[in-house]
Amino acid sequence: MIGLETPFELKGLKLRNRIVMPPMCQYSAYGEDGMPTDWHYVHYVSRAIGGTGLIIIEMTNVEPAGRITNRCLGLWSDDHVPAFRRIIRACQEHGAKVAIQIAHAGRKAEDEPVPVGPMAEAYSERYRTPRALTTEEVRGLVVKFAEAARRAVEAGVDAVELHGAHGYLIHQFLSPYSNRRDDEYGRDRGLFAEEVVRAVKAVLPPDMPLIFRLSAVEYVDGGYDLDYSLEFGERLKAAGVDIFDVSSGGEGKPGKRKPSDTPGFQVPYARAFKEKLGVPVIAVGRLDNPQVAQMVLRNGDADLVGVARGMLYDPYWALHAIRATAGLSREIAPKQYERAF
């Protein structure tokens, strides 16, 4: 029976357990140059020591204008590679596998004087009005995503995740709510995402999985529903996505459809993707209770569980959760900590 402690394997990715640390922005690139700092080193390596199977490094951006804040991470230069490599190697030395989430904030770039997006419409009244990208600029961003992914591979990652959720640029293009362009990227809202997937896939080793994070439903009035996301999910699977990281919302202020924000509230969306597309999925959303996370796996709702805030609270959440659900103790603890287990 599958549990939190059960290993997972897909292509060349071999995880010691089913526990994922999802991307969580730290806003701690203190040099405002996109470079990881000692904070990031301690933050990620401590979760590797803490037993996490897969660590997904936070939203890392393809150009300076694509950052949420000027203290977010970047991979727009080869100069970034050594700092990421140091963190990734240390995590791997302690048994975790590592992915990086490649992204662009689009119109949600908070510190950019003039953000960019599919259209010249602000995310909300507290955000700046973006400039609409030209068709050629959109094509150029496809290349920038691929270049960032190439650098992630050079830094030693075990997988790459594309951020197509939570109202950021790829999601903005996918959504009828935020994309009403009249060029090819508006007439075919899935085109940008598909081109990014294909371009990134082309620079990954053949045995390296590509993960795609998406919002399965939008909560804003007039936003898309599950059937819509399953449809573009099929298209992205055909383009090369190996695993879907299934979240929701983030595109605007919730309207009549509101998230419950209760434990497991997004799990049904993950199950729908797993059943419809027949690929592994990561379930997320208030899964910090080990018994709840275990049940998601036991029920076959998902193949992996992502625990975000639980790991902010407890770097050793994975060890504690496996101990609580599988009864394993000293055999999963780092040798240096065995006496405490």
Protein backbone atom coordinates (compact mmCIF):
# COMPACT_ATOMS: atom_id res chain seq x y z
CA MET A 1 0.00 0.00 0.00
CA ILE A 2 1.34 3.40 -0.98
CA GLY A 3 2.17 5.77 1.86
CA LEU A 4 4.25 8.86 2.49
CA GLU A 5 7.33 6.67 2.93
CA THR A 6 6.93 4.84 -0.41
CA PRO A 7 9.62 5.57 -3.00
CA PHE A 8 8.59 7.09 -6.34
CA GLU A 9 10.24 6.73 -9.73
CA LEU A 10 9.59 8.34 -13.09
CA LYS A 11 12.14 8.33 -15.88
CA GLY A 12 15.45 9.25 -14.25
CA LEU A 13 13.84 10.77 -11.17
CA LYS A 14 14.01 8.47 -8.13
CA LEU A 15 12.56 9.83 -4.90
CA ARG A 16 13.05 8.29 -1.46
CA ASN A 17 9.44 9.10 -0.55
CA ARG A 18 6.26 10.76 -1.85
CA ILE A 19 6.75 14.08 -0.05
CA VAL A 20 7.31 17.28 -2.05
CA MET A 21 8.33 20.69 -0.82
CA PRO A 22 6.44 23.03 -3.19
CA PRO A 23 7.90 26.34 -4.36
CA MET A 24 7.54 29.07 -1.75
CA CYS A 25 9.01 32.51 -2.45
CA GLN A 26 11.47 33.70 0.18
CA TYR A 27 12.03 37.23 -1.18
CA SER A 28 15.59 36.95 0.09
CA ALA A 29 17.87 37.69 -2.88
CA TYR A 30 19.24 40.58 -0.88
CA GLY A 31 21.53 41.83 -3.65
CA GLU A 32 18.44 42.37 -5.83
CA ASP A 33 20.34 40.52 -8.56
CA GLY A 34 18.44 37.24 -8.55
CA MET A 35 21.26 35.44 -6.75
CA PRO A 36 20.51 32.82 -4.06
CA THR A 37 21.97 33.70 -0.67
CA ASP A 38 23.00 31.83 2.47
CA TRP A 39 19.36 32.07 3.53
CA HIS A 40 18.37 29.93 0.56
CA TYR A 41 21.17 27.48 1.26
CA VAL A 42 20.08 26.90 4.85
CA HIS A 43 16.38 26.96 3.93
CA TYR A 44 16.60 24.24 1.30
CA VAL A 45 19.36 22.06 2.72
CA SER A 46 17.61 21.87 6.10
CA ARG A 47 14.53 20.41 4.37
CA ALA A 48 16.74 17.86 2.61
CA ILE A 49 18.20 16.81 5.97
CA GLY A 50 14.61 16.81 7.21
CA GLY A 51 13.71 13.95 4.88
CA THR A 52 11.91 15.63 1.98
CA GLY A 53 11.77 13.52 -1.18
CA LEU A 54 11.58 16.32 -3.78
CA ILE A 55 12.44 19.95 -3.14
CA ILE A 56 11.16 22.43 -5.72
CA ILE A 57 13.14 25.65 -5.46
CA GLU A 58 10.94 28.72 -5.42
CA MET A 59 9.76 30.73 -8.42
CA THR A 60 12.94 31.57 -10.34
CA ASN A 61 12.56 34.07 -13.12
CA VAL A 62 13.65 34.20 -16.75
CA GLU A 63 14.35 37.94 -16.81
CA PRO A 64 14.63 40.78 -14.26
CA ALA A 65 11.26 42.20 -15.36
CA GLY A 66 9.68 38.85 -14.59
CA ARG A 67 10.24 38.93 -10.84
CA ILE A 68 7.40 39.40 -8.35
CA THR A 69 9.77 41.58 -6.31
CA ASN A 70 13.32 42.74 -6.82
CA ARG A 71 14.37 40.23 -4.14
CA CYS A 72 13.14 37.20 -6.07
CA LEU A 73 15.47 34.65 -7.65
CA GLY A 74 16.54 34.59 -11.27
CA LEU A 75 18.21 32.38 -13.86
CA TRP A 76 18.51 34.93 -16.66
CA SER A 77 22.32 34.75 -16.62
CA ASP A 78 24.96 32.03 -16.60
CA ASP A 79 26.41 33.88 -13.60
CA HIS A 80 23.54 32.53 -11.49
CA VAL A 81 24.43 28.88 -12.09
CA PRO A 82 27.21 28.37 -9.48
CA ALA A 83 25.11 29.70 -6.58
CA PHE A 84 22.24 27.38 -7.46
CA ARG A 85 24.62 24.47 -8.01
CA ARG A 86 25.97 24.84 -4.46
CA ILE A 87 22.48 24.52 -2.98
CA ILE A 88 21.36 21.70 -5.26
CA ARG A 89 24.43 19.55 -4.63
CA ALA A 90 24.11 19.94 -0.87
CA CYS A 91 20.44 18.92 -0.96
CA GLN A 92 21.27 15.90 -3.08
CA GLU A 93 24.07 14.90 -0.72
CA HIS A 94 21.44 14.64 2.01
CA GLY A 95 19.14 12.40 -0.02
CA ALA A 96 16.69 14.84 -1.59
CA LYS A 97 16.09 15.41 -5.28
CA VAL A 98 15.75 18.97 -6.52
CA ALA A 99 13.73 20.83 -9.14
CA ILE A 100 13.60 24.55 -9.92
CA GLN A 101 10.37 26.35 -10.78
CA ILE A 102 10.99 28.50 -13.88
CA ALA A 103 8.61 31.44 -14.23
CA HIS A 104 7.71 34.98 -15.20
CA ALA A 105 5.38 37.12 -13.10
CA GLY A 106 3.95 39.07 -16.03
CA ARG A 107 1.51 41.72 -14.84
CA LYS A 108 2.04 40.62 -11.22
CA ALA A 109 5.61 41.99 -11.17
CA GLU A 110 5.21 44.30 -8.19
CA ASP A 111 8.51 46.21 -8.31
CA GLU A 112 8.76 46.62 -12.08
CA PRO A 113 8.01 50.24 -13.08
CA VAL A 114 6.16 49.04 -16.20
CA PRO A 115 5.26 45.34 -16.02
CA VAL A 116 4.41 43.33 -19.11
CA GLY A 117 1.53 40.99 -19.83
CA PRO A 118 -0.75 39.69 -22.55
CA MET A 119 -2.79 42.90 -22.34
CA ALA A 120 -2.50 46.39 -20.88
CA GLU A 121 -4.77 45.56 -17.95
CA ALA A 122 -3.68 45.65 -14.32
CA TYR A 123 -4.10 42.61 -12.08
CA SER A 124 -5.94 44.76 -9.54
CA GLU A 125 -6.15 48.36 -8.41
CA ARG A 126 -3.02 48.01 -6.28
CA TYR A 127 -0.91 46.79 -9.21
CA ARG A 128 0.63 48.88 -11.98
CA THR A 129 -0.90 48.75 -15.45
CA PRO A 130 1.28 46.54 -17.65
CA ARG A 131 2.41 47.08 -21.19
CA ALA A 132 1.07 44.53 -23.66
CA LEU A 133 3.82 42.32 -25.05
CA THR A 134 4.33 42.41 -28.80
CA THR A 135 4.07 39.16 -30.72
CA GLU A 136 7.83 39.13 -31.22
CA GLU A 137 8.42 39.72 -27.51
CA VAL A 138 6.23 36.73 -26.67
CA ARG A 139 8.32 34.59 -29.00
CA GLY A 140 11.44 35.94 -27.33
CA LEU A 141 10.16 34.91 -23.92
CA VAL A 142 9.78 31.33 -25.12
CA VAL A 143 13.52 31.38 -25.76
CA LYS A 144 14.19 32.91 -22.34
CA PHE A 145 12.26 30.11 -20.63
CA ALA A 146 14.35 27.56 -22.49
CA GLU A 147 17.59 29.33 -21.61
CA ALA A 148 16.64 29.43 -17.93
CA ALA A 149 15.83 25.71 -18.04
CA ARG A 150 19.20 25.01 -19.68
CA ARG A 151 20.91 26.82 -16.81
CA ALA A 152 18.88 24.82 -14.30
CA VAL A 153 20.17 21.63 -15.91
CA GLU A 154 23.73 22.98 -15.75
CA ALA A 155 23.17 23.67 -12.05
CA GLY A 156 22.39 19.99 -11.53
CA VAL A 157 18.62 19.74 -11.07
CA ASP A 158 16.78 16.42 -11.17
CA ALA A 159 13.66 17.97 -12.73
CA VAL A 160 12.29 21.31 -13.94
CA GLU A 161 8.90 22.82 -13.13
CA LEU A 162 7.16 25.48 -15.21
CA HIS A 163 4.89 27.87 -13.33
CA GLY A 164 1.60 28.05 -15.21
CA ALA A 165 -0.59 28.86 -12.20
CA HIS A 166 -1.58 31.61 -9.77
CA GLY A 167 -2.03 34.40 -12.27
CA TYR A 168 1.57 34.58 -13.49
CA LEU A 169 2.54 35.00 -17.12
CA ILE A 170 1.91 31.53 -18.55
CA HIS A 171 -1.39 31.40 -16.70
CA GLN A 172 -2.24 34.89 -17.95
CA PHE A 173 -1.93 33.67 -21.53
CA LEU A 174 -3.95 30.52 -20.85
CA SER A 175 -6.87 32.37 -19.32
CA PRO A 176 -9.75 33.99 -21.25
CA TYR A 177 -10.02 36.37 -18.29
CA SER A 178 -6.58 37.90 -18.88
CA ASN A 179 -5.89 37.14 -22.54
CA ARG A 180 -8.09 38.74 -25.19
CA ARG A 181 -5.31 39.50 -27.65
CA ASP A 182 -6.01 39.60 -31.37
CA ASP A 183 -2.76 37.96 -32.51
CA GLU A 184 -1.91 34.25 -32.68
CA TYR A 185 -1.31 34.13 -28.92
CA GLY A 186 -4.81 35.44 -28.28
CA ARG A 187 -6.62 33.45 -30.92
CA ASP A 188 -4.96 30.33 -29.47
CA ARG A 189 -4.57 30.89 -25.74
CA GLY A 190 -2.70 27.66 -25.20
CA LEU A 191 -0.03 28.44 -27.79
CA PHE A 192 2.42 30.27 -25.51
CA ALA A 193 2.29 27.53 -22.87
CA GLU A 194 2.73 24.82 -25.48
CA GLU A 195 5.67 26.59 -27.10
CA VAL A 196 7.33 27.07 -23.71
CA VAL A 197 6.85 23.39 -22.85
CA ARG A 198 8.29 22.24 -26.18
CA ALA A 199 11.23 24.65 -25.99
CA VAL A 200 12.09 23.66 -22.42
CA LYS A 201 11.65 19.97 -23.16
CA ALA A 202 14.18 20.30 -25.98
CA VAL A 203 16.95 21.39 -23.57
CA LEU A 204 16.26 18.78 -20.88
CA PRO A 205 18.01 15.40 -20.82
CA PRO A 206 15.65 12.70 -22.19
CA ASP A 207 15.29 11.06 -18.78
CA MET A 208 14.52 14.29 -16.86
CA PRO A 209 10.83 14.87 -16.06
CA LEU A 210 9.14 18.16 -16.80
CA ILE A 211 6.59 19.31 -14.21
CA PHE A 212 3.90 21.87 -14.95
CA ARG A 213 2.12 23.75 -12.17
CA LEU A 214 -1.35 24.92 -13.13
CA SER A 215 -4.49 26.40 -11.67
CA ALA A 216 -7.19 23.81 -12.29
CA VAL A 217 -9.98 26.36 -11.75
CA GLU A 218 -10.19 30.12 -11.53
CA TYR A 219 -12.21 31.76 -8.79
CA VAL A 220 -12.82 35.14 -10.40
CA ASP A 221 -16.27 35.63 -11.91
CA GLY A 222 -16.05 34.53 -15.52
CA GLY A 223 -12.94 32.46 -14.88
CA TYR A 224 -12.38 29.06 -16.44
CA ASP A 225 -13.48 25.75 -14.92
CA LEU A 226 -12.02 22.27 -14.57
CA ASP A 227 -13.09 21.12 -18.02
CA TYR A 228 -11.14 23.99 -19.57
CA SER A 229 -7.93 23.20 -17.65
CA LEU A 230 -8.21 19.50 -18.42
CA GLU A 231 -8.43 20.39 -22.09
CA PHE A 232 -5.25 22.47 -22.11
CA GLY A 233 -3.69 19.88 -19.79
CA GLU A 234 -4.14 17.25 -22.51
CA ARG A 235 -2.41 19.56 -24.96
CA LEU A 236 0.52 20.20 -22.62
CA LYS A 237 0.88 16.50 -21.90
CA ALA A 238 1.20 15.90 -25.63
CA ALA A 239 3.82 18.68 -25.79
CA GLY A 240 5.96 16.98 -23.15
CA VAL A 241 4.70 17.52 -19.60
CA ASP A 242 5.40 14.47 -17.43
CA ILE A 243 3.89 15.51 -14.08
CA PHE A 244 1.16 18.02 -13.23
CA ASP A 245 1.37 20.01 -10.00
CA VAL A 246 -2.30 20.83 -9.49
CA SER A 247 -3.27 24.02 -7.67
CA SER A 248 -6.00 26.63 -8.30
CA GLY A 249 -6.83 30.32 -8.41
CA GLY A 250 -4.54 33.32 -8.25
CA GLU A 251 -5.85 35.07 -11.36
CA GLY A 252 -7.99 37.68 -9.63
CA LYS A 253 -10.30 38.44 -6.74
CA PRO A 254 -12.60 35.45 -6.02
CA GLY A 255 -16.22 35.95 -7.01
CA LYS A 256 -19.15 33.59 -6.61
CA ARG A 257 -16.85 30.58 -6.71
CA LYS A 258 -14.65 30.82 -3.62
CA PRO A 259 -11.99 28.38 -2.38
CA SER A 260 -12.83 26.69 0.91
CA ASP A 261 -9.17 26.78 2.01
CA THR A 262 -9.76 23.69 4.15
CA PRO A 263 -7.44 20.65 4.34
CA GLY A 264 -7.36 18.89 0.99
CA PHE A 265 -9.63 21.40 -0.76
CA GLN A 266 -7.66 21.12 -4.02
CA VAL A 267 -7.22 17.34 -3.96
CA PRO A 268 -10.28 16.62 -6.18
CA TYR A 269 -8.65 18.67 -8.93
CA ALA A 270 -5.48 16.59 -8.69
CA ARG A 271 -7.50 13.40 -8.88
CA ALA A 272 -9.34 14.66 -11.96
CA PHE A 273 -6.04 15.28 -13.75
CA LYS A 274 -4.68 11.91 -12.70
CA GLU A 275 -7.77 10.08 -13.97
CA LYS A 276 -8.26 12.06 -17.17
CA LEU A 277 -4.65 12.41 -18.32
CA GLY A 278 -3.14 9.24 -16.89
CA VAL A 279 0.04 10.94 -15.67
CA PRO A 280 1.47 11.40 -12.17
CA VAL A 281 0.16 14.38 -10.23
CA ILE A 282 1.16 16.35 -7.16
CA ALA A 283 -1.67 17.31 -4.82
CA VAL A 284 -1.35 20.47 -2.74
CA GLY A 285 -3.47 22.58 -0.41
CA ARG A 286 -3.41 22.45 3.40
CA LEU A 287 -1.95 18.95 3.56
CA ASP A 288 0.25 19.61 6.59
CA ASN A 289 -1.60 17.04 8.72
CA PRO A 290 0.32 13.78 8.10
CA GLN A 291 -2.83 11.66 8.28
CA VAL A 292 -4.56 13.81 5.66
CA ALA A 293 -1.52 13.70 3.37
CA GLN A 294 -1.29 9.92 3.84
CA MET A 295 -4.97 9.46 2.96
CA VAL A 296 -4.52 11.38 -0.31
CA LEU A 297 -1.98 8.77 -1.37
CA ARG A 298 -3.89 5.80 0.03
CA ASN A 299 -7.05 6.87 -1.79
CA GLY A 300 -5.16 7.13 -5.07
CA ASP A 301 -6.00 10.81 -5.39
CA ALA A 302 -2.41 11.73 -6.25
CA ASP A 303 1.03 10.22 -6.64
CA LEU A 304 2.85 12.84 -4.59
CA VAL A 305 1.82 15.33 -1.90
CA GLY A 306 3.12 18.87 -1.62
CA VAL A 307 3.38 20.35 1.87
CA ALA A 308 4.25 24.05 1.84
CA ARG A 309 3.33 25.92 5.02
CA GLY A 310 3.84 22.78 7.06
CA MET A 311 7.48 22.79 6.00
CA LEU A 312 7.88 26.48 6.74
CA TYR A 313 6.77 25.63 10.26
CA ASP A 314 8.81 22.43 10.55
CA PRO A 315 11.90 21.76 8.38
CA TYR A 316 11.71 18.11 9.52
CA TRP A 317 8.07 17.67 8.58
CA ALA A 318 8.85 14.71 6.32
CA LEU A 319 10.65 12.74 9.04
CA HIS A 320 7.96 13.52 11.58
CA ALA A 321 5.13 12.64 9.17
CA ILE A 322 6.64 9.31 8.15
CA ARG A 323 7.24 8.46 11.79
CA ALA A 324 3.60 9.31 12.59
CA THR A 325 2.05 7.39 9.69
CA ALA A 326 4.41 4.47 9.05
CA GLY A 327 5.92 3.98 12.48
CA LEU A 328 9.42 4.37 11.07
CA SER A 329 11.84 6.11 13.35
CA ARG A 330 15.61 5.62 13.67
CA GLU A 331 15.88 4.05 10.22
CA ILE A 332 14.79 7.28 8.50
CA ALA A 333 16.64 9.73 10.73
CA PRO A 334 20.02 11.21 9.82
CA LYS A 335 22.69 9.30 11.70
CA GLN A 336 23.65 12.41 13.63
CA TYR A 337 20.09 12.69 14.99
CA GLU A 338 19.32 9.03 15.70
CA ARG A 339 19.49 9.43 19.48
CA ALA A 340 16.49 11.77 19.29
CA PHE A 341 14.38 9.23 17.42
